[in-house]
């Protein structure tokens, strides 16, 4: 499996405004799917949908190729980015004192 093939399979998820990222290496691919449609959707449902799409595309062998698929809403990503920026400011302030 190539990263492009993994990305293409996840891009077929029926989600609005989705962003799909793939990284890692063969046998340990990591993917991230971001969509506003994930807002309020439980993690187990997000994971079930993502892994279901991969199983449909590649069968059981996908479990030997893909390490994990992260699924986030746009709001969750923005919150994480904001927290990371705050953490950086705190670290800079602590280093300067």
Protein backbone atom coordinates (compact mmCIF):
# COMPACT_ATOMS: atom_id res chain seq x y z
CA UNK A 1 0.00 0.00 0.00
CA UNK A 2 1.23 3.45 -0.85
CA UNK A 3 0.46 6.62 1.08
CA UNK A 4 -1.46 7.91 -1.94
CA UNK A 5 -3.62 4.77 -2.03
CA UNK A 6 -4.38 5.08 1.68
CA UNK A 7 -5.24 8.74 1.28
CA UNK A 8 -7.50 7.98 -1.69
CA UNK A 9 -9.41 5.33 0.27
CA UNK A 10 -10.00 7.72 3.18
CA UNK A 11 -10.98 10.55 0.86
CA UNK A 12 -13.93 8.40 -0.23
CA UNK A 13 -15.47 8.78 3.25
CA UNK A 14 -18.77 10.67 2.90
CA UNK A 15 -17.65 13.71 4.88
CA UNK A 16 -17.90 17.41 4.11
CA UNK A 17 -14.79 19.56 3.80
CA UNK A 18 -12.53 16.69 4.76
CA UNK A 19 -8.78 16.94 4.96
CA UNK A 20 -6.79 13.70 4.81
CA UNK A 21 -3.13 13.46 5.77
CA UNK A 22 -0.91 10.39 5.60
CA UNK A 23 2.54 9.89 7.04
CA UNK A 24 4.79 7.19 8.41
CA UNK A 25 6.38 4.37 6.49
CA UNK A 26 5.33 1.09 4.85
CA UNK A 27 3.65 -1.18 7.36
CA UNK A 28 3.23 1.68 9.83
CA UNK A 29 1.16 4.26 8.01
CA UNK A 30 -0.57 6.90 10.11
CA UNK A 31 -3.51 8.83 8.74
CA UNK A 32 -5.50 11.81 9.96
CA UNK A 33 -9.00 12.65 8.77
CA UNK A 34 -10.39 16.06 9.71
CA UNK A 35 -13.97 17.10 9.01
CA UNK A 36 -16.59 19.33 10.59
CA UNK A 37 -18.94 16.35 10.26
CA UNK A 38 -17.10 14.70 13.17
CA UNK A 39 -18.37 17.36 15.58
CA UNK A 40 -20.38 15.57 18.27
CA UNK A 41 -19.74 12.11 16.78
CA UNK A 42 -18.35 9.59 19.30
CA UNK A 43 -14.81 8.34 18.68
CA UNK A 44 -15.93 4.73 18.26
CA UNK A 45 -18.28 5.75 15.41
CA UNK A 46 -15.57 7.78 13.70
CA UNK A 47 -13.12 4.89 13.97
CA UNK A 48 -15.69 2.36 12.80
CA UNK A 49 -16.42 4.41 9.68
CA UNK A 50 -12.75 5.03 8.84
CA UNK A 51 -11.64 1.43 9.38
CA UNK A 52 -14.74 0.14 7.59
CA UNK A 53 -13.76 2.15 4.51
CA UNK A 54 -10.23 0.75 4.66
CA UNK A 55 -11.44 -2.82 5.15
CA UNK A 56 -13.76 -2.44 2.15
CA UNK A 57 -10.90 -1.14 0.02
CA UNK A 58 -8.10 -3.50 1.15
CA UNK A 59 -9.56 -6.32 3.21
CA UNK A 60 -7.99 -7.60 6.41
CA UNK A 61 -4.46 -6.96 5.13
CA UNK A 62 -4.98 -3.28 5.91
CA UNK A 63 -4.33 -4.04 9.60
CA UNK A 64 -0.75 -4.99 8.67
CA UNK A 65 -0.25 -1.76 6.74
CA UNK A 66 -1.94 0.98 8.78
CA UNK A 67 -0.88 1.72 12.35
CA UNK A 68 -3.69 4.16 13.18
CA UNK A 69 -6.24 6.58 11.74
CA UNK A 70 -6.86 9.73 13.74
CA UNK A 71 -10.28 11.31 13.30
CA UNK A 72 -10.85 14.90 14.40
CA UNK A 73 -13.44 17.60 13.94
CA UNK A 74 -12.18 20.97 12.72
CA UNK A 75 -13.02 22.45 16.16
CA UNK A 76 -10.89 19.80 17.90
CA UNK A 77 -7.93 20.60 15.65
CA UNK A 78 -8.29 24.32 16.31
CA UNK A 79 -8.43 23.64 20.06
CA UNK A 80 -5.28 21.49 19.90
CA UNK A 81 -3.46 24.14 17.87
CA UNK A 82 -4.49 26.84 20.33
CA UNK A 83 -3.33 24.71 23.27
CA UNK A 84 0.01 24.03 21.55
CA UNK A 85 0.51 27.77 21.00
CA UNK A 86 -0.27 28.45 24.67
CA UNK A 87 2.11 25.71 25.77
CA UNK A 88 4.86 27.23 23.61
CA UNK A 89 4.31 30.66 25.18
CA UNK A 90 4.46 29.15 28.67
CA UNK A 91 7.67 27.28 27.82
CA UNK A 92 9.25 30.45 26.42
CA UNK A 93 8.27 32.41 29.51
CA UNK A 94 9.64 29.70 31.81
CA UNK A 95 12.92 29.56 29.86
CA UNK A 96 13.29 33.33 30.10
CA UNK A 97 12.82 33.49 33.85
